Amino acid sequence: MVKANLNIAPKEYISNLKLQKSKELIKESKYTISEIASMLGFSSIHYFSRRFKQKFDINPTEYANKIIKS
């Protein structure tokens, strides 16, 4: 049903939701990148970082630093 409505596989849809949520959590500056990866169910910080960079063309640490500077 998800694929029919959104034209993406359910697994990718859920992954995209998690990555969007990770951006919100990074902006809050309450948790480390490692804690965020764990909270959202990523198997490792490395996998999370790789997926984040694939999705947003910036790694989570660079994104956090960019948020802090703005």
N, C-alpha and C. Protein backbone atom coordinates (compact mmCIF):
# COMPACT_ATOMS: atom_id res chain seq x y z
N MET A 1 0.82 -1.19 0.00
CA MET A 1 0.00 0.00 0.00
C MET A 1 0.87 1.26 0.00
N VAL A 2 1.92 1.27 0.79
CA VAL A 2 2.82 2.44 0.85
C VAL A 2 3.43 2.69 -0.52
N LYS A 3 3.91 1.64 -1.16
CA LYS A 3 4.54 1.79 -2.46
C LYS A 3 3.56 2.36 -3.49
N ALA A 4 2.33 1.91 -3.43
CA ALA A 4 1.32 2.39 -4.38
C ALA A 4 1.03 3.87 -4.17
N ASN A 5 0.99 4.31 -2.93
CA ASN A 5 0.67 5.70 -2.63
C ASN A 5 1.85 6.65 -2.76
N LEU A 6 3.03 6.22 -2.35
CA LEU A 6 4.18 7.11 -2.32
C LEU A 6 5.24 6.77 -3.36
N ASN A 7 5.05 5.67 -4.04
CA ASN A 7 5.98 5.21 -5.07
C ASN A 7 7.37 4.87 -4.53
N ILE A 8 7.46 4.52 -3.25
CA ILE A 8 8.70 4.00 -2.67
C ILE A 8 8.37 2.80 -1.79
N ALA A 9 9.36 1.96 -1.58
CA ALA A 9 9.16 0.77 -0.75
C ALA A 9 8.97 1.19 0.72
N PRO A 10 8.19 0.41 1.46
CA PRO A 10 7.95 0.73 2.88
C PRO A 10 9.25 0.90 3.68
N LYS A 11 10.23 0.05 3.43
CA LYS A 11 11.50 0.14 4.16
C LYS A 11 12.17 1.49 3.91
N GLU A 12 12.14 1.95 2.66
CA GLU A 12 12.75 3.24 2.34
C GLU A 12 11.95 4.39 2.96
N TYR A 13 10.64 4.27 2.96
CA TYR A 13 9.78 5.28 3.57
C TYR A 13 10.11 5.43 5.05
N ILE A 14 10.23 4.32 5.75
CA ILE A 14 10.56 4.34 7.18
C ILE A 14 11.96 4.92 7.40
N SER A 15 12.90 4.52 6.57
CA SER A 15 14.26 5.05 6.66
C SER A 15 14.26 6.56 6.47
N ASN A 16 13.49 7.05 5.50
CA ASN A 16 13.41 8.49 5.28
C ASN A 16 12.81 9.22 6.48
N LEU A 17 11.79 8.62 7.10
CA LEU A 17 11.21 9.22 8.30
C LEU A 17 12.24 9.31 9.42
N LYS A 18 13.00 8.24 9.61
CA LYS A 18 14.03 8.22 10.65
C LYS A 18 15.09 9.28 10.38
N LEU A 19 15.49 9.41 9.12
CA LEU A 19 16.52 10.40 8.79
C LEU A 19 15.99 11.83 8.99
N GLN A 20 14.74 12.06 8.65
CA GLN A 20 14.15 13.38 8.90
C GLN A 20 14.10 13.66 10.41
N LYS A 21 13.71 12.66 11.18
CA LYS A 21 13.66 12.80 12.64
C LYS A 21 15.05 13.06 13.20
N SER A 22 16.06 12.43 12.61
CA SER A 22 17.43 12.63 13.10
C SER A 22 17.84 14.10 12.94
N LYS A 23 17.41 14.74 11.85
CA LYS A 23 17.72 16.16 11.66
C LYS A 23 17.10 17.00 12.78
N GLU A 24 15.86 16.68 13.14
CA GLU A 24 15.19 17.40 14.24
C GLU A 24 15.94 17.20 15.55
N LEU A 25 16.35 15.97 15.81
CA LEU A 25 17.06 15.68 17.06
C LEU A 25 18.42 16.35 17.10
N ILE A 26 19.10 16.41 15.97
CA ILE A 26 20.39 17.10 15.91
C ILE A 26 20.19 18.58 16.21
N LYS A 27 19.14 19.18 15.66
CA LYS A 27 18.85 20.60 15.89
C LYS A 27 18.61 20.89 17.37
N GLU A 28 17.99 19.94 18.08
CA GLU A 28 17.72 20.13 19.51
C GLU A 28 18.98 20.17 20.35
N SER A 29 20.05 19.60 19.86
CA SER A 29 21.36 19.57 20.55
C SER A 29 21.31 18.94 21.94
N LYS A 30 20.38 18.03 22.17
CA LYS A 30 20.29 17.34 23.46
C LYS A 30 21.07 16.03 23.48
N TYR A 31 21.26 15.45 22.30
CA TYR A 31 21.85 14.11 22.21
C TYR A 31 23.07 14.12 21.31
N THR A 32 23.94 13.15 21.54
CA THR A 32 25.08 12.98 20.64
C THR A 32 24.59 12.29 19.36
N ILE A 33 25.40 12.36 18.33
CA ILE A 33 25.06 11.69 17.07
C ILE A 33 24.90 10.18 17.32
N SER A 34 25.76 9.65 18.14
CA SER A 34 25.71 8.22 18.48
C SER A 34 24.39 7.88 19.18
N GLU A 35 23.97 8.72 20.12
CA GLU A 35 22.70 8.48 20.83
C GLU A 35 21.52 8.55 19.86
N ILE A 36 21.56 9.50 18.96
CA ILE A 36 20.47 9.65 17.97
C ILE A 36 20.40 8.41 17.09
N ALA A 37 21.54 7.94 16.62
CA ALA A 37 21.57 6.74 15.78
C ALA A 37 20.94 5.56 16.53
N SER A 38 21.30 5.41 17.77
CA SER A 38 20.77 4.31 18.58
C SER A 38 19.27 4.48 18.83
N MET A 39 18.84 5.69 19.18
CA MET A 39 17.43 5.95 19.45
C MET A 39 16.55 5.63 18.25
N LEU A 40 17.06 5.88 17.07
CA LEU A 40 16.27 5.68 15.86
C LEU A 40 16.44 4.28 15.27
N GLY A 41 17.21 3.43 15.95
CA GLY A 41 17.29 2.02 15.57
C GLY A 41 18.30 1.69 14.48
N PHE A 42 19.25 2.58 14.24
CA PHE A 42 20.30 2.25 13.28
C PHE A 42 21.27 1.28 13.92
N SER A 43 21.76 0.34 13.13
CA SER A 43 22.60 -0.73 13.67
C SER A 43 23.95 -0.23 14.16
N SER A 44 24.43 0.87 13.61
CA SER A 44 25.70 1.44 14.07
C SER A 44 25.75 2.92 13.70
N ILE A 45 26.63 3.65 14.36
CA ILE A 45 26.84 5.05 14.05
C ILE A 45 27.36 5.20 12.62
N HIS A 46 28.16 4.25 12.18
CA HIS A 46 28.73 4.31 10.83
C HIS A 46 27.64 4.16 9.77
N TYR A 47 26.74 3.22 10.00
CA TYR A 47 25.64 3.02 9.05
C TYR A 47 24.74 4.26 9.03
N PHE A 48 24.43 4.78 10.20
CA PHE A 48 23.61 5.99 10.29
C PHE A 48 24.28 7.15 9.53
N SER A 49 25.55 7.36 9.78
CA SER A 49 26.28 8.45 9.12
C SER A 49 26.27 8.30 7.60
N ARG A 50 26.46 7.07 7.15
CA ARG A 50 26.48 6.80 5.70
C ARG A 50 25.11 7.10 5.08
N ARG A 51 24.04 6.64 5.73
CA ARG A 51 22.68 6.87 5.22
C ARG A 51 22.33 8.37 5.26
N PHE A 52 22.73 9.05 6.33
CA PHE A 52 22.47 10.48 6.47
C PHE A 52 23.15 11.24 5.32
N LYS A 53 24.40 10.91 5.06
CA LYS A 53 25.14 11.57 3.98
C LYS A 53 24.53 11.27 2.62
N GLN A 54 24.10 10.04 2.41
CA GLN A 54 23.45 9.69 1.14
C GLN A 54 22.18 10.52 0.93
N LYS A 55 21.44 10.73 2.00
CA LYS A 55 20.15 11.43 1.91
C LYS A 55 20.32 12.95 1.80
N PHE A 56 21.24 13.51 2.58
CA PHE A 56 21.31 14.97 2.70
C PHE A 56 22.60 15.59 2.15
N ASP A 57 23.50 14.78 1.61
CA ASP A 57 24.78 15.27 1.06
C ASP A 57 25.65 16.01 2.08
N ILE A 58 25.50 15.65 3.33
CA ILE A 58 26.33 16.20 4.40
C ILE A 58 26.31 15.16 5.52
N ASN A 59 27.43 15.00 6.22
CA ASN A 59 27.39 14.01 7.30
C ASN A 59 26.77 14.63 8.56
N PRO A 60 26.30 13.82 9.50
CA PRO A 60 25.59 14.34 10.66
C PRO A 60 26.41 15.34 11.49
N THR A 61 27.69 15.10 11.64
CA THR A 61 28.53 16.01 12.42
C THR A 61 28.66 17.36 11.74
N GLU A 62 28.87 17.34 10.43
CA GLU A 62 28.94 18.61 9.68
C GLU A 62 27.61 19.35 9.78
N TYR A 63 26.52 18.62 9.69
CA TYR A 63 25.19 19.22 9.80
C TYR A 63 25.02 19.87 11.18
N ALA A 64 25.40 19.16 12.22
CA ALA A 64 25.30 19.71 13.58
C ALA A 64 26.15 20.96 13.72
N ASN A 65 27.36 20.95 13.19
CA ASN A 65 28.23 22.12 13.27
C ASN A 65 27.63 23.30 12.50
N LYS A 66 27.01 23.02 11.38
CA LYS A 66 26.38 24.06 10.57
C LYS A 66 25.22 24.70 11.34
N ILE A 67 24.45 23.88 12.04
CA ILE A 67 23.31 24.37 12.84
C ILE A 67 23.81 25.26 13.96
N ILE A 68 24.86 24.85 14.63
CA ILE A 68 25.42 25.60 15.76
C ILE A 68 25.90 26.98 15.30
N LYS A 69 26.52 27.03 14.13
CA LYS A 69 27.09 28.29 13.61
C LYS A 69 26.01 29.26 13.14
N SER A 70 24.83 28.75 12.80
CA SER A 70 23.80 29.66 12.24
C SER A 70 22.91 30.26 13.31
